[in-house]
Protein backbone atom coordinates (compact mmCIF):
# COMPACT_ATOMS: atom_id res chain seq x y z
CA UNK A 1 24.22 -102.24 -34.16
CA UNK A 2 20.58 -102.21 -32.88
CA UNK A 3 21.55 -99.40 -30.60
CA UNK A 4 22.47 -96.96 -33.40
CA UNK A 5 18.79 -95.91 -34.21
CA UNK A 6 18.33 -95.27 -30.52
CA UNK A 7 21.25 -92.87 -30.14
CA UNK A 8 19.61 -89.84 -31.49
CA UNK A 9 16.52 -87.65 -30.76
CA UNK A 10 15.24 -90.30 -28.34
CA UNK A 11 18.40 -90.35 -26.45
CA UNK A 12 18.61 -86.53 -26.36
CA UNK A 13 15.13 -86.41 -24.96
CA UNK A 14 15.84 -89.10 -22.40
CA UNK A 15 19.04 -87.29 -21.29
CA UNK A 16 17.18 -84.04 -20.99
CA UNK A 17 14.86 -85.84 -18.48
CA UNK A 18 17.90 -87.20 -16.60
CA UNK A 19 19.09 -83.67 -15.99
CA UNK A 20 15.75 -82.12 -15.10
CA UNK A 21 13.15 -84.67 -13.78
CA UNK A 22 9.57 -83.47 -14.00
CA UNK A 23 7.31 -83.66 -11.03
CA UNK A 24 5.51 -86.99 -10.97
CA UNK A 25 7.68 -88.47 -13.58
CA UNK A 26 9.11 -91.99 -13.33
CA UNK A 27 12.54 -92.04 -11.52
CA UNK A 28 15.40 -91.43 -13.78
CA UNK A 29 19.19 -90.84 -13.21
CA UNK A 30 20.29 -87.39 -12.21
CA UNK A 31 23.50 -86.06 -13.69
CA UNK A 32 25.10 -82.99 -11.86
CA UNK A 33 28.12 -81.34 -13.31
CA UNK A 34 30.82 -80.40 -10.74
CA UNK A 35 33.92 -78.26 -11.03
CA UNK A 36 37.41 -78.73 -9.67
CA UNK A 37 38.82 -75.81 -11.14
CA UNK A 38 41.20 -77.49 -13.64
CA UNK A 39 40.97 -78.62 -17.30
CA UNK A 40 43.27 -81.70 -17.07
CA UNK A 41 42.04 -85.09 -18.14
CA UNK A 42 40.79 -86.90 -15.15
CA UNK A 43 41.32 -90.66 -15.58
CA UNK A 44 41.21 -92.53 -12.23
CA UNK A 45 38.67 -92.04 -9.48
CA UNK A 46 37.97 -93.67 -6.14
CA UNK A 47 35.37 -93.09 -3.47
CA UNK A 48 35.79 -93.71 0.32
CA UNK A 49 32.16 -92.88 0.99
CA UNK A 50 29.45 -90.59 -0.30
CA UNK A 51 31.35 -87.49 0.70
CA UNK A 52 34.97 -88.35 0.20
CA UNK A 53 36.36 -88.99 -3.35
CA UNK A 54 39.79 -88.87 -4.96
CA UNK A 55 40.65 -88.29 -8.47
CA UNK A 56 43.80 -88.80 -10.61
CA UNK A 57 44.73 -87.10 -13.84
CA UNK A 58 47.32 -85.82 -16.24
CA UNK A 59 50.02 -83.18 -15.56
CA UNK A 60 50.61 -84.94 -12.23
CA UNK A 61 47.21 -83.61 -11.06
CA UNK A 62 45.00 -85.09 -8.16
CA UNK A 63 41.84 -83.81 -6.58
CA UNK A 64 39.71 -84.63 -3.55
CA UNK A 65 36.44 -83.64 -2.09
CA UNK A 66 35.07 -84.19 1.52
CA UNK A 67 31.58 -82.77 0.87
CA UNK A 68 30.37 -84.96 -1.96
CA UNK A 69 31.79 -82.65 -4.60
CA UNK A 70 30.29 -79.40 -3.53
CA UNK A 71 33.92 -78.20 -3.34
CA UNK A 72 37.17 -79.65 -4.71
CA UNK A 73 40.77 -79.34 -3.71
CA UNK A 74 43.20 -79.71 -6.53
CA UNK A 75 46.96 -80.06 -6.55
CA UNK A 76 50.03 -81.27 -8.46
CA UNK A 77 52.48 -83.89 -6.90
CA UNK A 78 55.88 -82.04 -6.62
CA UNK A 79 58.23 -83.31 -9.38
CA UNK A 80 55.38 -85.28 -11.15
CA UNK A 81 53.93 -82.54 -13.37
CA UNK A 82 54.90 -84.40 -16.57
CA UNK A 83 53.30 -87.60 -15.36
CA UNK A 84 49.85 -89.15 -16.06
CA UNK A 85 48.22 -90.47 -12.98
CA UNK A 86 45.86 -93.08 -14.31
CA UNK A 87 44.86 -94.87 -11.01
CA UNK A 88 44.07 -93.82 -7.58
CA UNK A 89 43.27 -95.76 -4.41
CA UNK A 90 41.62 -93.83 -1.73
CA UNK A 91 41.94 -95.01 1.90
CA UNK A 92 40.43 -92.10 3.72
CA UNK A 93 40.06 -88.36 3.47
CA UNK A 94 43.67 -87.93 4.29
CA UNK A 95 45.34 -91.08 2.77
CA UNK A 96 45.56 -92.09 -0.97
CA UNK A 97 47.84 -93.67 -3.52
CA UNK A 98 48.45 -92.48 -7.12
CA UNK A 99 49.88 -94.70 -9.89
CA UNK A 100 51.47 -92.96 -12.97
CA UNK A 101 52.01 -94.81 -16.23
CA UNK A 102 54.74 -94.88 -18.72
CA UNK A 103 57.90 -96.85 -19.66
CA UNK A 104 60.70 -97.38 -17.18
CA UNK A 105 60.87 -94.79 -14.46
CA UNK A 106 57.73 -93.05 -15.41
CA UNK A 107 55.68 -95.88 -13.78
CA UNK A 108 55.47 -94.80 -10.00
CA UNK A 109 53.33 -94.97 -7.01
CA UNK A 110 52.90 -92.04 -4.66
CA UNK A 111 51.39 -92.06 -1.23
CA UNK A 112 49.99 -89.26 0.96
CA UNK A 113 48.85 -89.39 4.49
CA UNK A 114 47.95 -85.69 4.89
CA UNK A 115 45.39 -84.92 2.16
CA UNK A 116 48.12 -84.09 -0.44
CA UNK A 117 50.16 -81.59 1.50
CA UNK A 118 53.15 -83.96 1.23
CA UNK A 119 53.67 -87.00 -1.00
CA UNK A 120 56.09 -89.91 -0.70
CA UNK A 121 57.42 -91.81 -3.71
CA UNK A 122 56.98 -95.45 -2.57
CA UNK A 123 57.56 -97.23 -5.86
CA UNK A 124 59.62 -96.33 -8.93
CA UNK A 125 59.94 -98.95 -11.77
CA UNK A 126 63.49 -99.80 -12.77
CA UNK A 127 62.88 -102.10 -15.62
CA UNK A 128 63.06 -100.10 -18.83
CA UNK A 129 60.61 -102.24 -20.71
CA UNK A 130 57.97 -102.39 -18.03
CA UNK A 131 54.81 -100.20 -18.17
CA UNK A 132 52.69 -100.37 -15.11
CA UNK A 133 48.88 -100.15 -15.77
CA UNK A 134 46.78 -100.51 -12.54
CA UNK A 135 46.75 -101.20 -8.88
CA UNK A 136 44.26 -102.12 -6.24
CA UNK A 137 44.19 -102.95 -2.50
CA UNK A 138 42.58 -105.64 -0.47
CA UNK A 139 42.63 -103.58 2.73
CA UNK A 140 44.69 -100.73 4.21
CA UNK A 141 47.87 -102.79 4.24
CA UNK A 142 47.68 -105.22 1.32
CA UNK A 143 47.84 -104.07 -2.22
CA UNK A 144 48.97 -105.12 -5.68
CA UNK A 145 49.93 -103.70 -9.09
CA UNK A 146 51.03 -105.05 -12.44
CA UNK A 147 52.81 -104.05 -15.73
CA UNK A 148 52.59 -104.97 -19.30
CA UNK A 149 54.51 -108.30 -19.99
CA UNK A 150 58.26 -108.13 -20.28
CA UNK A 151 60.14 -110.94 -21.87
CA UNK A 152 57.02 -113.13 -21.91
CA UNK A 153 55.95 -112.58 -18.24
CA UNK A 154 53.80 -110.04 -16.41
CA UNK A 155 55.61 -108.09 -13.67
CA UNK A 156 53.58 -107.89 -10.49
CA UNK A 157 54.33 -106.22 -7.30
CA UNK A 158 52.61 -106.29 -3.94
CA UNK A 159 52.71 -104.50 -0.65
CA UNK A 160 51.99 -105.82 2.89
CA UNK A 161 52.85 -102.64 4.79
CA UNK A 162 50.30 -100.14 3.59
CA UNK A 163 52.15 -99.20 0.44
CA UNK A 164 55.43 -98.13 2.19
CA UNK A 165 57.34 -100.81 0.28
CA UNK A 166 56.47 -102.95 -2.75
CA UNK A 167 58.00 -106.35 -3.44
CA UNK A 168 58.05 -108.18 -6.86
CA UNK A 169 56.15 -111.47 -7.27
CA UNK A 170 58.15 -114.21 -8.97
CA UNK A 171 57.53 -114.11 -12.70
CA UNK A 172 57.28 -117.80 -12.74
CA UNK A 173 54.19 -117.63 -10.54
CA UNK A 174 52.13 -116.40 -13.57
CA UNK A 175 51.35 -118.25 -16.75
CA UNK A 176 53.46 -117.05 -19.76
CA UNK A 177 52.25 -113.99 -21.64
CA UNK A 178 51.21 -114.12 -25.30
CA UNK A 179 53.30 -112.32 -27.82
CA UNK A 180 52.74 -108.46 -27.37
CA UNK A 181 50.36 -108.94 -24.43
CA UNK A 182 49.76 -106.12 -22.11
CA UNK A 183 46.74 -104.13 -20.78
CA UNK A 184 44.97 -100.83 -21.41
CA UNK A 185 45.68 -98.36 -18.69
CA UNK A 186 42.45 -96.42 -19.25
CA UNK A 187 40.83 -96.01 -15.93
CA UNK A 188 42.58 -97.86 -13.20
CA UNK A 189 40.18 -100.69 -13.38
CA UNK A 190 42.02 -103.12 -15.44
CA UNK A 191 42.95 -104.88 -12.24
CA UNK A 192 40.46 -105.48 -9.29
CA UNK A 193 40.44 -107.10 -5.93
CA UNK A 194 37.77 -109.37 -4.62
CA UNK A 195 37.39 -110.38 -1.09
CA UNK A 196 40.56 -110.40 0.97
CA UNK A 197 42.89 -112.57 -1.14
CA UNK A 198 41.58 -112.57 -4.75
CA UNK A 199 42.74 -110.25 -7.58
CA UNK A 200 42.12 -110.29 -11.36
CA UNK A 201 43.58 -108.39 -14.25
CA UNK A 202 42.57 -108.06 -17.91
CA UNK A 203 44.83 -108.16 -20.89
CA UNK A 204 45.01 -106.56 -24.36
CA UNK A 205 47.19 -106.26 -27.53
CA UNK A 206 47.55 -109.95 -28.11
CA UNK A 207 45.69 -112.73 -30.04
CA UNK A 208 43.29 -113.37 -27.16
CA UNK A 209 41.98 -111.05 -24.52
CA UNK A 210 42.55 -112.90 -21.17
CA UNK A 211 41.96 -112.63 -17.40
CA UNK A 212 44.52 -113.54 -14.81
CA UNK A 213 43.43 -114.51 -11.37
CA UNK A 214 45.05 -115.18 -8.04
CA UNK A 215 43.43 -116.33 -4.87
CA UNK A 216 46.51 -115.93 -2.54
CA UNK A 217 47.46 -112.31 -3.00
CA UNK A 218 49.71 -113.00 -5.94
CA UNK A 219 51.63 -116.03 -4.87
CA UNK A 220 49.98 -118.39 -7.57
CA UNK A 221 47.91 -117.53 -10.77
CA UNK A 222 45.79 -118.96 -13.34
CA UNK A 223 44.48 -117.55 -16.62
CA UNK A 224 41.31 -117.82 -18.78
CA UNK A 225 40.34 -116.78 -22.24
CA UNK A 226 37.42 -114.27 -22.91
CA UNK A 227 35.41 -113.74 -26.16
CA UNK A 228 36.07 -110.05 -26.16
CA UNK A 229 37.71 -108.98 -29.50
CA UNK A 230 41.45 -108.99 -29.40
CA UNK A 231 44.45 -107.90 -31.47
CA UNK A 232 47.25 -105.37 -31.54
CA UNK A 233 44.84 -102.56 -30.67
CA UNK A 234 42.18 -104.44 -28.93
CA UNK A 235 41.30 -106.26 -25.69
CA UNK A 236 40.30 -105.67 -22.17
CA UNK A 237 40.44 -102.31 -20.24
CA UNK A 238 38.24 -102.92 -17.26
CA UNK A 239 36.98 -105.50 -14.80
CA UNK A 240 34.23 -105.37 -12.28
CA UNK A 241 32.86 -107.89 -9.84
CA UNK A 242 29.82 -107.62 -7.55
CA UNK A 243 30.77 -110.70 -5.56
CA UNK A 244 33.22 -113.65 -5.70
CA UNK A 245 31.46 -115.33 -8.70
CA UNK A 246 29.80 -112.63 -10.82
CA UNK A 247 31.63 -110.17 -12.92
CA UNK A 248 32.20 -108.47 -16.24
CA UNK A 249 35.28 -107.82 -18.42
CA UNK A 250 34.90 -104.95 -20.94
CA UNK A 251 37.18 -103.19 -23.42
CA UNK A 252 37.16 -102.81 -27.28
CA UNK A 253 39.38 -101.81 -30.13
CA UNK A 254 41.32 -98.51 -30.04
CA UNK A 255 41.28 -98.56 -33.95
CA UNK A 256 37.48 -98.75 -34.18
CA UNK A 257 36.31 -95.77 -31.84
CA UNK A 258 33.02 -95.46 -33.62
CA UNK A 259 32.10 -99.16 -33.98
CA UNK A 260 30.09 -101.59 -32.02
CA UNK A 261 32.26 -104.63 -31.37
CA UNK A 262 32.31 -107.69 -29.20
CA UNK A 263 33.63 -105.89 -26.10
CA UNK A 264 31.77 -107.35 -23.12
CA UNK A 265 32.36 -110.70 -21.48
CA UNK A 266 30.43 -112.07 -18.42
CA UNK A 267 31.40 -114.65 -15.75
CA UNK A 268 29.34 -116.39 -13.30
CA UNK A 269 32.01 -118.69 -11.79
CA UNK A 270 34.68 -116.14 -10.59
CA UNK A 271 36.43 -115.77 -13.97
CA UNK A 272 37.09 -119.41 -14.66
CA UNK A 273 34.86 -119.17 -17.79
CA UNK A 274 33.45 -116.27 -19.71
CA UNK A 275 30.70 -115.82 -22.25
CA UNK A 276 29.61 -112.78 -24.37
CA UNK A 277 27.55 -110.04 -22.80
CA UNK A 278 25.71 -107.20 -24.46
CA UNK A 279 27.63 -104.13 -25.43
CA UNK A 280 26.62 -100.81 -23.86
CA UNK A 281 24.55 -98.40 -26.06
CA UNK A 282 27.65 -96.31 -27.10
CA UNK A 283 30.19 -97.21 -29.62
CA UNK A 284 33.93 -97.65 -29.07
CA UNK A 285 35.66 -98.83 -26.03
CA UNK A 286 34.65 -99.21 -22.51
CA UNK A 287 37.38 -97.60 -20.50
CA UNK A 288 35.93 -98.07 -16.93
CA UNK A 289 33.26 -99.93 -15.19
CA UNK A 290 32.09 -100.69 -11.49
CA UNK A 291 29.22 -102.04 -9.68
CA UNK A 292 27.26 -99.65 -7.46
CA UNK A 293 27.74 -100.53 -3.81
CA UNK A 294 24.46 -101.36 -2.08
CA UNK A 295 22.24 -101.16 -5.14
CA UNK A 296 19.20 -103.47 -5.56
CA UNK A 297 19.05 -104.88 -8.09
CA UNK A 298 22.86 -105.20 -8.57
CA UNK A 299 23.72 -102.24 -10.85
CA UNK A 300 26.60 -101.81 -13.11
CA UNK A 301 27.98 -98.59 -14.70
CA UNK A 302 30.23 -98.49 -17.76
CA UNK A 303 31.99 -95.45 -19.33
CA UNK A 304 33.90 -94.66 -22.31
CA UNK A 305 35.00 -91.95 -24.87
CA UNK A 306 31.41 -92.14 -26.43
CA UNK A 307 29.29 -92.05 -23.29
CA UNK A 308 28.11 -93.84 -20.24
CA UNK A 309 25.41 -96.44 -19.44
CA UNK A 310 24.09 -98.62 -16.68
CA UNK A 311 22.80 -102.14 -16.42
CA UNK A 312 20.73 -103.92 -13.81
CA UNK A 313 21.08 -107.49 -15.18
CA UNK A 314 24.88 -108.02 -15.38
CA UNK A 315 25.36 -106.58 -18.87
CA UNK A 316 22.43 -108.47 -20.45
CA UNK A 317 20.75 -105.04 -21.27
CA UNK A 318 21.68 -101.38 -20.78
CA UNK A 319 20.25 -97.88 -20.37
CA UNK A 320 22.14 -94.82 -21.50
CA UNK A 321 23.44 -92.30 -18.96
CA UNK A 322 25.13 -89.67 -21.06
CA UNK A 323 26.82 -89.15 -24.46
CA UNK A 324 29.77 -87.18 -23.10
CA UNK A 325 33.38 -88.44 -23.03
CA UNK A 326 34.26 -90.30 -19.73
CA UNK A 327 37.36 -92.20 -18.79
CA UNK A 328 36.84 -93.30 -15.08
CA UNK A 329 34.35 -93.54 -12.33
CA UNK A 330 34.00 -93.77 -8.55
CA UNK A 331 30.84 -95.17 -6.95
CA UNK A 332 29.84 -94.88 -3.26
CA UNK A 333 26.29 -95.84 -3.58
CA UNK A 334 23.03 -95.27 -5.62
CA UNK A 335 22.85 -91.67 -4.73
CA UNK A 336 26.61 -90.87 -4.93
CA UNK A 337 28.74 -91.73 -7.98
CA UNK A 338 31.10 -89.69 -9.98
CA UNK A 339 32.20 -90.00 -13.77
CA UNK A 340 35.32 -88.19 -14.78
CA UNK A 341 36.97 -87.34 -18.14
CA UNK A 342 38.55 -84.73 -20.38
CA UNK A 343 38.80 -81.01 -19.62
CA UNK A 344 38.26 -81.44 -15.88
CA UNK A 345 34.98 -83.07 -16.37
CA UNK A 346 33.22 -84.43 -13.14
CA UNK A 347 29.63 -85.52 -13.25
CA UNK A 348 27.80 -86.62 -10.18
CA UNK A 349 25.45 -89.40 -10.83
CA UNK A 350 22.40 -90.56 -8.73
CA UNK A 351 20.58 -93.65 -10.01
CA UNK A 352 16.93 -94.60 -9.51
CA UNK A 353 17.80 -97.87 -7.74
CA UNK A 354 17.49 -98.69 -3.97
């Protein structure tokens, strides 16, 4: 609650400086609006490098840039105009994957190798109760995705052929789910890969917010509890790791969009144990998070419906970035990050870190 008095005139003045830095002033973040020519809700984002970024959104929409956002190409996947794409994995300027969410056959993965001129449906869920949330890849050939729990187990699928086919992981490989346990498909970051074999995903909507971890690309799993507030409408929405040991898990309570809650957990042992972190200086949920590649000191950005903020000490303290609504983000480096959200919002961000 100590942040409430700060979010006011002082924040407005600080954000004004962010958008128009005065000559000779201390370095501050720069926020630069961009336009993809659409008013859909952008949810997922992924950067290949400082020039190439892919976005995923509602109404079957995707967008990409090859010039750092100076111009964008936007399209709709044929036959998918009613779907919500909530995750995107960008391989190159031409190759990307989109994951749509929803019960049963609405959960799908599409794949393009020609910058969206054509799309191939590489996975369609056939379990009526399943609802896929997030996906990620270790490399160009090996990837993973997971669903809310069904009959007490989490469905997980993996690919070893560049996403052409997806195979289910044995449900017995994962610890049992808690009653009602699932995840928040808010930004495509509820699952993350680390290194060439590790993956972790966060859970919500149960008595405890937990993190599942595999170190062998899905063959075996273990689970750990976090101190993030949990319940039917609460839990984890996003995970971010800067190396094999140091990471954060964040989320919140959908029923408390204007409250400051216990919504950040930090690990220093690869997710085996978690301790409370400091909440960002905006209320409500954290939908998306990521560490800035190449930043020194290690820099973390968090976004949500009530704003965006960054931390240079693994969520021990924060500085505000914006008060606009954001759902997802893609970071290529300190000078090239993108925050995305409602009404086609795209904001390019440059941070004052090396």
